[in-house]
Amino acid sequence: MLQPRPLTLTAIAAACRDSLRLRFDYRTHDGTSSIRTTEPHRLVHAGRRWYLIGWDVERRDWRTYRVDRLDPRTPTGPRFTPRTPPDPDISGYTSRAISTSAYRYQARFTLHVSAETAAERIAPTTGALEPIDEHSCTLRAGSNSLDELAIYVTTKGFDFQVHEPLELVEHVRTLAARLAGATDQYRSRAGAAGVGRAHDDEASRPSRGTES
């Protein structure tokens, strides 16, 4: 895993502290490079990576940037008036941004375990957890694949319900039927074996009125 250089983290932290605009070269996941100008708000560490939360000046929206993919340009500036952050819970906002918002499908599940228990298996970079009560929580996760979402939540080992999107609800229903059908032949064999044993037991019993 690529780690940002200490000088990069220092430069970003200083720009956040002093409210100085920051220009940097940025590489997306597919290798596309561009120059971004942002009003940096805060550095957040999540899932062993550093992220910069900032207001993208050209795109006029809040964005989340992976720090290991950016190279700051100097000098920084000019100064800006800090904006109200997109969410008071910046850590939660970051988790949702990197695990859900960037994907085609944005899913919502109910897990029948506490948020603390779920967090032992679900990293903030792959899903955002919100407690419901002591025994259940909401999981929000994103992917470009319905199969990936279904497999992801199933393999965590928790009982769950899927609520949205509707495409995922239908997909999980189809997968459940397919998986159930994969074991039908064994259920049929087990049923036949049970019937056979019942006949054998009946045949071995002495008839009424017959001395044993």
C-alpha atoms as a PDB file:
ATOM      1  CA  MET A   1       0.000   0.000   0.000  1.00  0.00           C
ATOM      2  CA  LEU A   2       1.339   3.409  -0.981  1.00  0.00           C
ATOM      3  CA  GLN A   3       1.926   5.787   1.906  1.00  0.00           C
ATOM      4  CA  PRO A   4       1.992   9.592   1.530  1.00  0.00           C
ATOM      5  CA  ARG A   5       5.300  11.312   2.114  1.00  0.00           C
ATOM      6  CA  PRO A   6       5.634  13.069   5.471  1.00  0.00           C
ATOM      7  CA  LEU A   7       6.292  16.366   3.679  1.00  0.00           C
ATOM      8  CA  THR A   8       2.986  15.984   1.818  1.00  0.00           C
ATOM      9  CA  LEU A   9       1.056  15.476   5.059  1.00  0.00           C
ATOM     10  CA  THR A  10       2.870  18.432   6.633  1.00  0.00           C
ATOM     11  CA  ALA A  11       2.051  20.735   3.689  1.00  0.00           C
ATOM     12  CA  ILE A  12      -1.641  19.754   3.725  1.00  0.00           C
ATOM     13  CA  ALA A  13      -1.925  20.107   7.512  1.00  0.00           C
ATOM     14  CA  ALA A  14      -0.395  23.594   7.339  1.00  0.00           C
ATOM     15  CA  ALA A  15      -2.813  24.659   4.577  1.00  0.00           C
ATOM     16  CA  CYS A  16      -5.758  23.393   6.653  1.00  0.00           C
ATOM     17  CA  ARG A  17      -4.523  25.186   9.760  1.00  0.00           C
ATOM     18  CA  ASP A  18      -3.845  28.507   8.009  1.00  0.00           C
ATOM     19  CA  SER A  19      -6.902  28.408   5.663  1.00  0.00           C
ATOM     20  CA  LEU A  20      -4.768  28.599   2.528  1.00  0.00           C
ATOM     21  CA  ARG A  21      -5.940  27.346  -0.836  1.00  0.00           C
ATOM     22  CA  LEU A  22      -4.063  24.262  -1.976  1.00  0.00           C
ATOM     23  CA  ARG A  23      -3.266  23.304  -5.572  1.00  0.00           C
ATOM     24  CA  PHE A  24      -2.094  19.795  -6.335  1.00  0.00           C
ATOM     25  CA  ASP A  25      -1.686  17.184  -9.043  1.00  0.00           C
ATOM     26  CA  TYR A  26      -4.157  14.366  -8.469  1.00  0.00           C
ATOM     27  CA  ARG A  27      -4.326  10.836  -9.903  1.00  0.00           C
ATOM     28  CA  THR A  28      -7.641   8.979  -9.927  1.00  0.00           C
ATOM     29  CA  HIS A  29      -7.969   5.197  -9.517  1.00  0.00           C
ATOM     30  CA  ASP A  30      -7.694   4.696 -13.301  1.00  0.00           C
ATOM     31  CA  GLY A  31      -4.492   6.742 -13.545  1.00  0.00           C
ATOM     32  CA  THR A  32      -6.060   9.925 -14.967  1.00  0.00           C
ATOM     33  CA  SER A  33      -4.181  13.035 -13.778  1.00  0.00           C
ATOM     34  CA  SER A  34      -5.508  16.541 -13.275  1.00  0.00           C
ATOM     35  CA  ILE A  35      -4.706  19.722 -11.355  1.00  0.00           C
ATOM     36  CA  ARG A  36      -7.091  20.469  -8.501  1.00  0.00           C
ATOM     37  CA  THR A  37      -7.590  23.612  -6.443  1.00  0.00           C
ATOM     38  CA  THR A  38      -9.209  23.136  -3.062  1.00  0.00           C
ATOM     39  CA  GLU A  39      -9.995  24.899   0.150  1.00  0.00           C
ATOM     40  CA  PRO A  40      -8.645  22.229   2.507  1.00  0.00           C
ATOM     41  CA  HIS A  41     -10.696  21.477   5.591  1.00  0.00           C
ATOM     42  CA  ARG A  42      -9.217  18.491   7.382  1.00  0.00           C
ATOM     43  CA  LEU A  43      -7.033  15.405   7.130  1.00  0.00           C
ATOM     44  CA  VAL A  44      -8.742  12.148   8.128  1.00  0.00           C
ATOM     45  CA  HIS A  45      -7.130   8.761   8.705  1.00  0.00           C
ATOM     46  CA  ALA A  46      -9.378   5.817   7.760  1.00  0.00           C
ATOM     47  CA  GLY A  47      -8.572   2.212   6.954  1.00  0.00           C
ATOM     48  CA  ARG A  48      -4.787   2.734   7.022  1.00  0.00           C
ATOM     49  CA  ARG A  49      -5.013   5.604   4.515  1.00  0.00           C
ATOM     50  CA  TRP A  50      -4.998   9.398   4.804  1.00  0.00           C
ATOM     51  CA  TYR A  51      -7.724  11.457   3.113  1.00  0.00           C
ATOM     52  CA  LEU A  52      -8.113  15.183   2.561  1.00  0.00           C
ATOM     53  CA  ILE A  53     -11.593  16.654   2.896  1.00  0.00           C
ATOM     54  CA  GLY A  54     -11.877  19.929   1.011  1.00  0.00           C
ATOM     55  CA  TRP A  55     -14.023  22.242  -1.082  1.00  0.00           C
ATOM     56  CA  ASP A  56     -13.122  21.780  -4.760  1.00  0.00           C
ATOM     57  CA  VAL A  57     -13.037  25.306  -6.199  1.00  0.00           C
ATOM     58  CA  GLU A  58     -13.616  24.336  -9.846  1.00  0.00           C
ATOM     59  CA  ARG A  59     -16.277  21.709  -9.154  1.00  0.00           C
ATOM     60  CA  ARG A  60     -17.920  23.800  -6.408  1.00  0.00           C
ATOM     61  CA  ASP A  61     -18.509  20.821  -4.166  1.00  0.00           C
ATOM     62  CA  TRP A  62     -17.009  18.977  -1.220  1.00  0.00           C
ATOM     63  CA  ARG A  63     -14.606  16.237  -2.264  1.00  0.00           C
ATOM     64  CA  THR A  64     -12.565  13.519  -0.598  1.00  0.00           C
ATOM     65  CA  TYR A  65      -9.036  12.950  -1.900  1.00  0.00           C
ATOM     66  CA  ARG A  66      -6.640  10.124  -1.176  1.00  0.00           C
ATOM     67  CA  VAL A  67      -3.449  11.779   0.019  1.00  0.00           C
ATOM     68  CA  ASP A  68      -1.176   9.108  -1.490  1.00  0.00           C
ATOM     69  CA  ARG A  69      -2.503  10.138  -4.927  1.00  0.00           C
ATOM     70  CA  LEU A  70      -1.768  13.848  -4.697  1.00  0.00           C
ATOM     71  CA  ASP A  71       1.338  16.022  -5.045  1.00  0.00           C
ATOM     72  CA  PRO A  72       0.977  19.554  -3.625  1.00  0.00           C
ATOM     73  CA  ARG A  73       2.109  22.539  -5.678  1.00  0.00           C
ATOM     74  CA  THR A  74       3.716  25.598  -4.172  1.00  0.00           C
ATOM     75  CA  PRO A  75       3.141  28.271  -3.181  1.00  0.00           C
ATOM     76  CA  THR A  76      -0.145  27.829  -1.321  1.00  0.00           C
ATOM     77  CA  GLY A  77      -2.773  30.556  -1.055  1.00  0.00           C
ATOM     78  CA  PRO A  78      -4.547  32.844  -1.149  1.00  0.00           C
ATOM     79  CA  ARG A  79      -6.340  32.693   2.199  1.00  0.00           C
ATOM     80  CA  PHE A  80     -10.013  31.777   2.275  1.00  0.00           C
ATOM     81  CA  THR A  81     -12.850  32.000   4.757  1.00  0.00           C
ATOM     82  CA  PRO A  82     -13.524  28.479   6.054  1.00  0.00           C
ATOM     83  CA  ARG A  83     -16.872  27.017   4.982  1.00  0.00           C
ATOM     84  CA  THR A  84     -19.274  25.073   7.149  1.00  0.00           C
ATOM     85  CA  PRO A  85     -18.200  21.425   6.792  1.00  0.00           C
ATOM     86  CA  PRO A  86     -20.535  19.071   4.917  1.00  0.00           C
ATOM     87  CA  ASP A  87     -21.206  17.068   8.093  1.00  0.00           C
ATOM     88  CA  PRO A  88     -20.392  17.702  11.763  1.00  0.00           C
ATOM     89  CA  ASP A  89     -19.151  14.102  11.888  1.00  0.00           C
ATOM     90  CA  ILE A  90     -16.257  14.386   9.441  1.00  0.00           C
ATOM     91  CA  SER A  91     -15.014  10.863  10.155  1.00  0.00           C
ATOM     92  CA  GLY A  92     -18.457   9.437   9.352  1.00  0.00           C
ATOM     93  CA  TYR A  93     -18.692  11.648   6.259  1.00  0.00           C
ATOM     94  CA  THR A  94     -15.326  10.347   5.063  1.00  0.00           C
ATOM     95  CA  SER A  95     -16.359   6.748   5.624  1.00  0.00           C
ATOM     96  CA  ARG A  96     -19.517   7.228   3.560  1.00  0.00           C
ATOM     97  CA  ALA A  97     -17.656   9.113   0.830  1.00  0.00           C
ATOM     98  CA  ILE A  98     -15.041   6.408   0.300  1.00  0.00           C
ATOM     99  CA  SER A  99     -17.271   3.365   0.860  1.00  0.00           C
ATOM    100  CA  THR A 100     -20.589   4.390  -0.700  1.00  0.00           C
ATOM    101  CA  SER A 101     -20.979   7.690  -2.537  1.00  0.00           C
ATOM    102  CA  ALA A 102     -18.488   7.064  -5.326  1.00  0.00           C
ATOM    103  CA  TYR A 103     -20.233   3.915  -6.596  1.00  0.00           C
ATOM    104  CA  ARG A 104     -23.099   3.139  -8.960  1.00  0.00           C
ATOM    105  CA  TYR A 105     -25.058   1.174  -6.343  1.00  0.00           C
ATOM    106  CA  GLN A 106     -25.474   2.542  -2.823  1.00  0.00           C
ATOM    107  CA  ALA A 107     -26.856  -0.107  -0.524  1.00  0.00           C
ATOM    108  CA  ARG A 108     -28.499  -0.008   2.892  1.00  0.00           C
ATOM    109  CA  PHE A 109     -28.665  -3.072   5.132  1.00  0.00           C
ATOM    110  CA  THR A 110     -29.806  -3.806   8.662  1.00  0.00           C
ATOM    111  CA  LEU A 111     -27.326  -6.045  10.485  1.00  0.00           C
ATOM    112  CA  HIS A 112     -28.648  -7.935  13.489  1.00  0.00           C
ATOM    113  CA  VAL A 113     -25.603  -7.256  15.641  1.00  0.00           C
ATOM    114  CA  SER A 114     -24.394  -4.185  17.485  1.00  0.00           C
ATOM    115  CA  ALA A 115     -22.392  -1.574  15.609  1.00  0.00           C
ATOM    116  CA  GLU A 116     -19.399  -2.386  17.829  1.00  0.00           C
ATOM    117  CA  THR A 117     -19.512  -6.058  16.855  1.00  0.00           C
ATOM    118  CA  ALA A 118     -19.980  -5.247  13.163  1.00  0.00           C
ATOM    119  CA  ALA A 119     -17.011  -2.852  13.251  1.00  0.00           C
ATOM    120  CA  GLU A 120     -14.748  -5.779  14.122  1.00  0.00           C
ATOM    121  CA  ARG A 121     -15.289  -7.135  10.598  1.00  0.00           C
ATOM    122  CA  ILE A 122     -16.269  -4.074   8.555  1.00  0.00           C
ATOM    123  CA  ALA A 123     -13.606  -1.455   7.908  1.00  0.00           C
ATOM    124  CA  PRO A 124     -14.662   2.202   7.519  1.00  0.00           C
ATOM    125  CA  THR A 125     -13.253   2.159   3.994  1.00  0.00           C
ATOM    126  CA  THR A 126     -15.732  -0.542   2.902  1.00  0.00           C
ATOM    127  CA  GLY A 127     -18.876   0.352   4.841  1.00  0.00           C
ATOM    128  CA  ALA A 128     -20.369   3.011   7.099  1.00  0.00           C
ATOM    129  CA  LEU A 129     -22.061   1.755  10.277  1.00  0.00           C
ATOM    130  CA  GLU A 130     -24.777   3.543  12.263  1.00  0.00           C
ATOM    131  CA  PRO A 131     -26.169   2.049  15.499  1.00  0.00           C
ATOM    132  CA  ILE A 132     -29.922   1.405  15.723  1.00  0.00           C
ATOM    133  CA  ASP A 133     -29.994  -0.131  19.193  1.00  0.00           C
ATOM    134  CA  GLU A 134     -27.865  -2.495  21.288  1.00  0.00           C
ATOM    135  CA  HIS A 135     -28.560  -5.429  18.995  1.00  0.00           C
ATOM    136  CA  SER A 136     -28.702  -3.987  15.480  1.00  0.00           C
ATOM    137  CA  CYS A 137     -27.135  -1.385  13.203  1.00  0.00           C
ATOM    138  CA  THR A 138     -27.375   0.066   9.711  1.00  0.00           C
ATOM    139  CA  LEU A 139     -24.684  -0.669   7.153  1.00  0.00           C
ATOM    140  CA  ARG A 140     -24.266   1.569   4.111  1.00  0.00           C
ATOM    141  CA  ALA A 141     -21.924   0.316   1.413  1.00  0.00           C
ATOM    142  CA  GLY A 142     -21.340   0.944  -2.262  1.00  0.00           C
ATOM    143  CA  SER A 143     -20.151  -0.965  -5.306  1.00  0.00           C
ATOM    144  CA  ASN A 144     -20.453  -1.006  -9.069  1.00  0.00           C
ATOM    145  CA  SER A 145     -21.531  -4.662  -8.830  1.00  0.00           C
ATOM    146  CA  LEU A 146     -24.680  -6.130  -7.271  1.00  0.00           C
ATOM    147  CA  ASP A 147     -22.912  -9.474  -6.904  1.00  0.00           C
ATOM    148  CA  GLU A 148     -20.094  -7.830  -4.978  1.00  0.00           C
ATOM    149  CA  LEU A 149     -22.505  -6.192  -2.547  1.00  0.00           C
ATOM    150  CA  ALA A 150     -24.434  -9.418  -1.967  1.00  0.00           C
ATOM    151  CA  ILE A 151     -21.291 -11.480  -1.414  1.00  0.00           C
ATOM    152  CA  TYR A 152     -19.711  -8.807   0.766  1.00  0.00           C
ATOM    153  CA  VAL A 153     -22.514  -8.625   3.315  1.00  0.00           C
ATOM    154  CA  THR A 154     -23.174 -12.389   3.283  1.00  0.00           C
ATOM    155  CA  THR A 155     -19.578 -13.327   4.045  1.00  0.00           C
ATOM    156  CA  LYS A 156     -19.435 -11.134   7.154  1.00  0.00           C
ATOM    157  CA  GLY A 157     -21.321 -13.833   9.045  1.00  0.00           C
ATOM    158  CA  PHE A 158     -24.155 -11.656  10.382  1.00  0.00           C
ATOM    159  CA  ASP A 159     -27.902 -12.064   9.907  1.00  0.00           C
ATOM    160  CA  PHE A 160     -29.096  -9.136   7.823  1.00  0.00           C
ATOM    161  CA  GLN A 161     -31.878  -7.549   5.820  1.00  0.00           C
ATOM    162  CA  VAL A 162     -31.362  -5.616   2.605  1.00  0.00           C
ATOM    163  CA  HIS A 163     -33.474  -2.482   2.072  1.00  0.00           C
ATOM    164  CA  GLU A 164     -32.094  -0.656  -0.965  1.00  0.00           C
ATOM    165  CA  PRO A 165     -31.567  -0.252  -3.810  1.00  0.00           C
ATOM    166  CA  LEU A 166     -34.471  -2.255  -5.227  1.00  0.00           C
ATOM    167  CA  GLU A 167     -32.137  -3.823  -7.798  1.00  0.00           C
ATOM    168  CA  LEU A 168     -30.127  -5.325  -4.953  1.00  0.00           C
ATOM    169  CA  VAL A 169     -33.258  -6.557  -3.125  1.00  0.00           C
ATOM    170  CA  GLU A 170     -34.321  -8.455  -6.254  1.00  0.00           C
ATOM    171  CA  HIS A 171     -30.789  -9.686  -6.889  1.00  0.00           C
ATOM    172  CA  VAL A 172     -30.441 -11.098  -3.367  1.00  0.00           C
ATOM    173  CA  ARG A 173     -33.839 -12.787  -3.726  1.00  0.00           C
ATOM    174  CA  THR A 174     -32.683 -14.410  -6.985  1.00  0.00           C
ATOM    175  CA  LEU A 175     -29.386 -15.520  -5.456  1.00  0.00           C
ATOM    176  CA  ALA A 176     -31.181 -16.985  -2.429  1.00  0.00           C
ATOM    177  CA  ALA A 177     -33.451 -19.051  -4.693  1.00  0.00           C
ATOM    178  CA  ARG A 178     -30.481 -20.197  -6.751  1.00  0.00           C
ATOM    179  CA  LEU A 179     -28.547 -21.256  -3.659  1.00  0.00           C
ATOM    180  CA  ALA A 180     -31.567 -23.060  -2.239  1.00  0.00           C
ATOM    181  CA  GLY A 181     -32.026 -24.877  -5.538  1.00  0.00           C
ATOM    182  CA  ALA A 182     -28.417 -26.018  -5.438  1.00  0.00           C
ATOM    183  CA  THR A 183     -29.227 -28.269  -2.445  1.00  0.00           C
ATOM    184  CA  ASP A 184     -32.651 -29.543  -3.569  1.00  0.00           C
ATOM    185  CA  GLN A 185     -31.228 -32.866  -4.751  1.00  0.00           C
ATOM    186  CA  TYR A 186     -29.775 -33.552  -1.313  1.00  0.00           C
ATOM    187  CA  ARG A 187     -33.035 -32.674   0.397  1.00  0.00           C
ATOM    188  CA  SER A 188     -34.844 -35.076  -1.943  1.00  0.00           C
ATOM    189  CA  ARG A 189     -32.389 -37.853  -1.147  1.00  0.00           C
ATOM    190  CA  ALA A 190     -32.674 -37.215   2.584  1.00  0.00           C
ATOM    191  CA  GLY A 191     -36.459 -37.266   2.323  1.00  0.00           C
ATOM    192  CA  ALA A 192     -36.444 -40.526   0.374  1.00  0.00           C
ATOM    193  CA  ALA A 193     -34.069 -42.073   2.885  1.00  0.00           C
ATOM    194  CA  GLY A 194     -36.378 -41.030   5.723  1.00  0.00           C
ATOM    195  CA  VAL A 195     -39.384 -42.591   4.015  1.00  0.00           C
ATOM    196  CA  GLY A 196     -37.413 -45.782   3.415  1.00  0.00           C
ATOM    197  CA  ARG A 197     -36.423 -46.024   7.066  1.00  0.00           C
ATOM    198  CA  ALA A 198     -40.046 -45.485   8.106  1.00  0.00           C
ATOM    199  CA  HIS A 199     -41.167 -48.399   5.883  1.00  0.00           C
ATOM    200  CA  ASP A 200     -38.437 -50.627   7.251  1.00  0.00           C
ATOM    201  CA  ASP A 201     -39.428 -49.788  10.836  1.00  0.00           C
ATOM    202  CA  GLU A 202     -43.065 -50.508  10.084  1.00  0.00           C
ATOM    203  CA  ALA A 203     -42.247 -53.839   8.476  1.00  0.00           C
ATOM    204  CA  SER A 204     -40.135 -54.938  11.440  1.00  0.00           C
ATOM    205  CA  ARG A 205     -42.940 -54.380  13.987  1.00  0.00           C
ATOM    206  CA  PRO A 206     -45.010 -57.421  14.933  1.00  0.00           C
ATOM    207  CA  SER A 207     -48.609 -57.310  13.756  1.00  0.00           C
ATOM    208  CA  ARG A 208     -51.371 -56.958  16.313  1.00  0.00           C
ATOM    209  CA  GLY A 209     -52.686 -60.319  17.449  1.00  0.00           C
ATOM    210  CA  THR A 210     -49.445 -62.072  16.550  1.00  0.00           C
ATOM    211  CA  GLU A 211     -47.391 -63.578  19.331  1.00  0.00           C
ATOM    212  CA  SER A 212     -43.789 -62.526  19.440  1.00  0.00           C
END
